[in-house]
Amino acid sequence: MEQFERKVTKIGNSFGITLPAELLKQVGLAQGDDVQVEVKDGKIVLRKKEQIILPEGVDAEFMEILNDVIKEHDKAFKGLVDR
């Protein structure tokens, strides 16, 4: 596995890092792609956001709201599985 060293830089009120073009190409990312950022076991994990095609008649905004509700109440939903 290749390793790259980068510095954290200030970008406006946030911070960021740059990624080499060859690294992005290896993982199938390009400028403008959406990524998901997760902290797992004290490490930052980046992955390309999956593009989901909704069936005809399903509203994307409704699905986003539903997803937010599921995330917010994740612990409660998981507790229901054990019942």
N, C-alpha and C. Protein backbone atom coordinates (compact mmCIF):
# COMPACT_ATOMS: atom_id res chain seq x y z
N MET A 1 0.84 -1.18 0.00
CA MET A 1 0.00 0.00 0.00
C MET A 1 0.89 1.24 0.00
N GLU A 2 0.61 2.14 -0.92
CA GLU A 2 1.36 3.39 -0.99
C GLU A 2 0.96 4.29 0.16
N GLN A 3 1.91 5.10 0.64
CA GLN A 3 1.61 6.07 1.67
C GLN A 3 2.02 7.45 1.18
N PHE A 4 1.19 8.43 1.53
CA PHE A 4 1.46 9.82 1.18
C PHE A 4 1.44 10.64 2.45
N GLU A 5 2.34 11.59 2.56
CA GLU A 5 2.32 12.52 3.69
C GLU A 5 1.78 13.85 3.20
N ARG A 6 0.86 14.41 3.97
CA ARG A 6 0.25 15.69 3.62
C ARG A 6 0.18 16.56 4.86
N LYS A 7 0.11 17.85 4.67
CA LYS A 7 -0.08 18.80 5.78
C LYS A 7 -1.54 19.24 5.80
N VAL A 8 -2.05 19.43 7.00
CA VAL A 8 -3.38 20.00 7.17
C VAL A 8 -3.24 21.50 6.96
N THR A 9 -4.06 22.06 6.10
CA THR A 9 -3.99 23.49 5.80
C THR A 9 -5.32 24.16 6.12
N LYS A 10 -5.26 25.45 6.38
CA LYS A 10 -6.47 26.21 6.67
C LYS A 10 -7.11 26.64 5.36
N ILE A 11 -8.41 26.39 5.24
CA ILE A 11 -9.18 26.79 4.06
C ILE A 11 -10.40 27.53 4.57
N GLY A 12 -10.36 28.86 4.56
CA GLY A 12 -11.44 29.65 5.13
C GLY A 12 -11.52 29.40 6.62
N ASN A 13 -12.70 29.03 7.11
CA ASN A 13 -12.89 28.71 8.52
C ASN A 13 -12.71 27.22 8.80
N SER A 14 -12.33 26.46 7.80
CA SER A 14 -12.17 25.01 7.93
C SER A 14 -10.72 24.62 7.70
N PHE A 15 -10.48 23.33 7.72
CA PHE A 15 -9.16 22.78 7.44
C PHE A 15 -9.30 21.70 6.39
N GLY A 16 -8.22 21.44 5.66
CA GLY A 16 -8.28 20.43 4.61
C GLY A 16 -6.91 19.89 4.29
N ILE A 17 -6.91 18.88 3.44
CA ILE A 17 -5.67 18.32 2.91
C ILE A 17 -5.84 18.17 1.41
N THR A 18 -4.74 18.16 0.70
CA THR A 18 -4.80 17.89 -0.73
C THR A 18 -4.47 16.42 -0.95
N LEU A 19 -5.01 15.86 -2.01
CA LEU A 19 -4.76 14.47 -2.35
C LEU A 19 -4.17 14.41 -3.75
N PRO A 20 -3.12 13.60 -3.94
CA PRO A 20 -2.51 13.50 -5.26
C PRO A 20 -3.49 12.94 -6.30
N ALA A 21 -3.40 13.46 -7.52
CA ALA A 21 -4.28 13.02 -8.61
C ALA A 21 -4.17 11.51 -8.83
N GLU A 22 -2.97 10.96 -8.72
CA GLU A 22 -2.78 9.51 -8.95
C GLU A 22 -3.54 8.70 -7.90
N LEU A 23 -3.59 9.19 -6.67
CA LEU A 23 -4.32 8.50 -5.61
C LEU A 23 -5.82 8.52 -5.90
N LEU A 24 -6.34 9.68 -6.30
CA LEU A 24 -7.76 9.78 -6.63
C LEU A 24 -8.12 8.86 -7.79
N LYS A 25 -7.25 8.80 -8.76
CA LYS A 25 -7.49 7.95 -9.92
C LYS A 25 -7.57 6.47 -9.50
N GLN A 26 -6.70 6.07 -8.59
CA GLN A 26 -6.68 4.68 -8.13
C GLN A 26 -8.00 4.26 -7.47
N VAL A 27 -8.64 5.20 -6.80
CA VAL A 27 -9.87 4.87 -6.08
C VAL A 27 -11.13 5.34 -6.82
N GLY A 28 -10.97 5.86 -8.02
CA GLY A 28 -12.11 6.24 -8.84
C GLY A 28 -12.79 7.53 -8.43
N LEU A 29 -12.02 8.45 -7.86
CA LEU A 29 -12.56 9.76 -7.48
C LEU A 29 -12.09 10.83 -8.45
N ALA A 30 -12.94 11.82 -8.66
CA ALA A 30 -12.58 12.94 -9.52
C ALA A 30 -13.08 14.22 -8.87
N GLN A 31 -12.59 15.35 -9.37
CA GLN A 31 -13.02 16.64 -8.84
C GLN A 31 -14.54 16.74 -8.92
N GLY A 32 -15.14 17.19 -7.83
CA GLY A 32 -16.59 17.36 -7.78
C GLY A 32 -17.34 16.16 -7.23
N ASP A 33 -16.68 15.00 -7.09
CA ASP A 33 -17.35 13.83 -6.53
C ASP A 33 -17.65 14.06 -5.05
N ASP A 34 -18.73 13.50 -4.59
CA ASP A 34 -19.07 13.55 -3.17
C ASP A 34 -18.40 12.39 -2.46
N VAL A 35 -17.90 12.65 -1.25
CA VAL A 35 -17.30 11.60 -0.44
C VAL A 35 -17.99 11.56 0.92
N GLN A 36 -17.96 10.39 1.54
CA GLN A 36 -18.45 10.24 2.90
C GLN A 36 -17.23 10.20 3.80
N VAL A 37 -17.31 10.90 4.93
CA VAL A 37 -16.21 10.97 5.88
C VAL A 37 -16.70 10.33 7.18
N GLU A 38 -15.91 9.40 7.70
CA GLU A 38 -16.28 8.66 8.90
C GLU A 38 -15.07 8.55 9.81
N VAL A 39 -15.30 8.61 11.10
CA VAL A 39 -14.24 8.34 12.07
C VAL A 39 -14.48 6.94 12.60
N LYS A 40 -13.49 6.08 12.43
CA LYS A 40 -13.62 4.68 12.84
C LYS A 40 -12.34 4.26 13.53
N ASP A 41 -12.46 3.85 14.78
CA ASP A 41 -11.30 3.43 15.57
C ASP A 41 -10.20 4.48 15.59
N GLY A 42 -10.60 5.75 15.71
CA GLY A 42 -9.64 6.84 15.79
C GLY A 42 -8.99 7.21 14.47
N LYS A 43 -9.51 6.68 13.37
CA LYS A 43 -8.97 6.98 12.03
C LYS A 43 -10.04 7.62 11.18
N ILE A 44 -9.60 8.49 10.26
CA ILE A 44 -10.52 9.12 9.32
C ILE A 44 -10.60 8.23 8.09
N VAL A 45 -11.83 7.86 7.72
CA VAL A 45 -12.05 7.01 6.55
C VAL A 45 -12.84 7.81 5.53
N LEU A 46 -12.31 7.91 4.31
CA LEU A 46 -13.00 8.58 3.21
C LEU A 46 -13.44 7.52 2.21
N ARG A 47 -14.66 7.65 1.72
CA ARG A 47 -15.10 6.76 0.65
C ARG A 47 -16.01 7.52 -0.30
N LYS A 48 -15.98 7.12 -1.54
CA LYS A 48 -16.82 7.75 -2.55
C LYS A 48 -18.29 7.50 -2.20
N LYS A 49 -19.07 8.56 -2.22
CA LYS A 49 -20.49 8.43 -1.92
C LYS A 49 -21.18 7.69 -3.05
N GLU A 50 -21.93 6.68 -2.68
CA GLU A 50 -22.66 5.90 -3.68
C GLU A 50 -23.81 6.72 -4.24
N GLN A 51 -23.94 6.72 -5.53
CA GLN A 51 -25.04 7.41 -6.18
C GLN A 51 -26.21 6.44 -6.30
N ILE A 52 -27.29 6.74 -5.63
CA ILE A 52 -28.45 5.86 -5.63
C ILE A 52 -29.49 6.44 -6.57
N ILE A 53 -29.97 5.60 -7.47
CA ILE A 53 -31.02 6.02 -8.40
C ILE A 53 -32.35 5.59 -7.80
N LEU A 54 -33.19 6.56 -7.49
CA LEU A 54 -34.47 6.29 -6.87
C LEU A 54 -35.50 5.86 -7.91
N PRO A 55 -36.39 4.99 -7.52
CA PRO A 55 -37.45 4.58 -8.45
C PRO A 55 -38.33 5.78 -8.81
N GLU A 56 -38.96 5.71 -9.95
CA GLU A 56 -39.83 6.79 -10.39
C GLU A 56 -40.92 7.05 -9.35
N GLY A 57 -41.14 8.30 -9.04
CA GLY A 57 -42.17 8.67 -8.08
C GLY A 57 -41.68 8.81 -6.65
N VAL A 58 -40.41 8.43 -6.39
CA VAL A 58 -39.86 8.57 -5.04
C VAL A 58 -39.08 9.88 -4.99
N ASP A 59 -39.45 10.74 -4.07
CA ASP A 59 -38.87 12.07 -3.97
C ASP A 59 -37.53 12.03 -3.24
N ALA A 60 -36.49 12.60 -3.83
CA ALA A 60 -35.14 12.60 -3.26
C ALA A 60 -35.10 13.36 -1.94
N GLU A 61 -35.83 14.48 -1.85
CA GLU A 61 -35.83 15.26 -0.61
C GLU A 61 -36.46 14.47 0.53
N PHE A 62 -37.54 13.74 0.23
CA PHE A 62 -38.17 12.89 1.24
C PHE A 62 -37.18 11.83 1.73
N MET A 63 -36.44 11.22 0.82
CA MET A 63 -35.48 10.18 1.19
C MET A 63 -34.36 10.76 2.07
N GLU A 64 -33.93 11.99 1.80
CA GLU A 64 -32.91 12.63 2.63
C GLU A 64 -33.43 12.87 4.05
N ILE A 65 -34.67 13.34 4.16
CA ILE A 65 -35.27 13.57 5.47
C ILE A 65 -35.42 12.24 6.21
N LEU A 66 -35.87 11.21 5.52
CA LEU A 66 -36.02 9.89 6.12
C LEU A 66 -34.67 9.36 6.61
N ASN A 67 -33.64 9.55 5.81
CA ASN A 67 -32.30 9.11 6.19
C ASN A 67 -31.82 9.85 7.44
N ASP A 68 -32.08 11.15 7.51
CA ASP A 68 -31.70 11.93 8.70
C ASP A 68 -32.42 11.42 9.95
N VAL A 69 -33.70 11.10 9.81
CA VAL A 69 -34.48 10.59 10.95
C VAL A 69 -33.92 9.23 11.40
N ILE A 70 -33.60 8.38 10.45
CA ILE A 70 -33.04 7.07 10.78
C ILE A 70 -31.71 7.23 11.50
N LYS A 71 -30.85 8.13 11.02
CA LYS A 71 -29.56 8.36 11.69
C LYS A 71 -29.77 8.89 13.10
N GLU A 72 -30.70 9.83 13.25
CA GLU A 72 -30.93 10.45 14.54
C GLU A 72 -31.44 9.44 15.58
N HIS A 73 -32.24 8.49 15.13
CA HIS A 73 -32.85 7.53 16.05
C HIS A 73 -32.28 6.11 15.87
N ASP A 74 -31.06 6.03 15.38
CA ASP A 74 -30.43 4.75 15.08
C ASP A 74 -30.42 3.81 16.28
N LYS A 75 -30.07 4.33 17.43
CA LYS A 75 -29.98 3.50 18.64
C LYS A 75 -31.35 2.90 18.98
N ALA A 76 -32.40 3.70 18.88
CA ALA A 76 -33.74 3.21 19.17
C ALA A 76 -34.17 2.13 18.18
N PHE A 77 -33.89 2.34 16.89
CA PHE A 77 -34.25 1.35 15.88
C PHE A 77 -33.52 0.03 16.12
N LYS A 78 -32.24 0.13 16.45
CA LYS A 78 -31.45 -1.09 16.72
C LYS A 78 -31.98 -1.81 17.96
N GLY A 79 -32.48 -1.04 18.93
CA GLY A 79 -33.06 -1.65 20.12
C GLY A 79 -34.34 -2.42 19.81
N LEU A 80 -35.07 -1.96 18.82
CA LEU A 80 -36.30 -2.65 18.42
C LEU A 80 -36.01 -4.02 17.80
N VAL A 81 -34.85 -4.16 17.19
CA VAL A 81 -34.48 -5.43 16.55
C VAL A 81 -34.38 -6.54 17.59
N ASP A 82 -33.94 -6.19 18.79
CA ASP A 82 -33.75 -7.18 19.85
C ASP A 82 -35.06 -7.61 20.51
N ARG A 83 -36.15 -6.99 20.18
CA ARG A 83 -37.44 -7.32 20.83
C ARG A 83 -38.12 -8.47 20.15
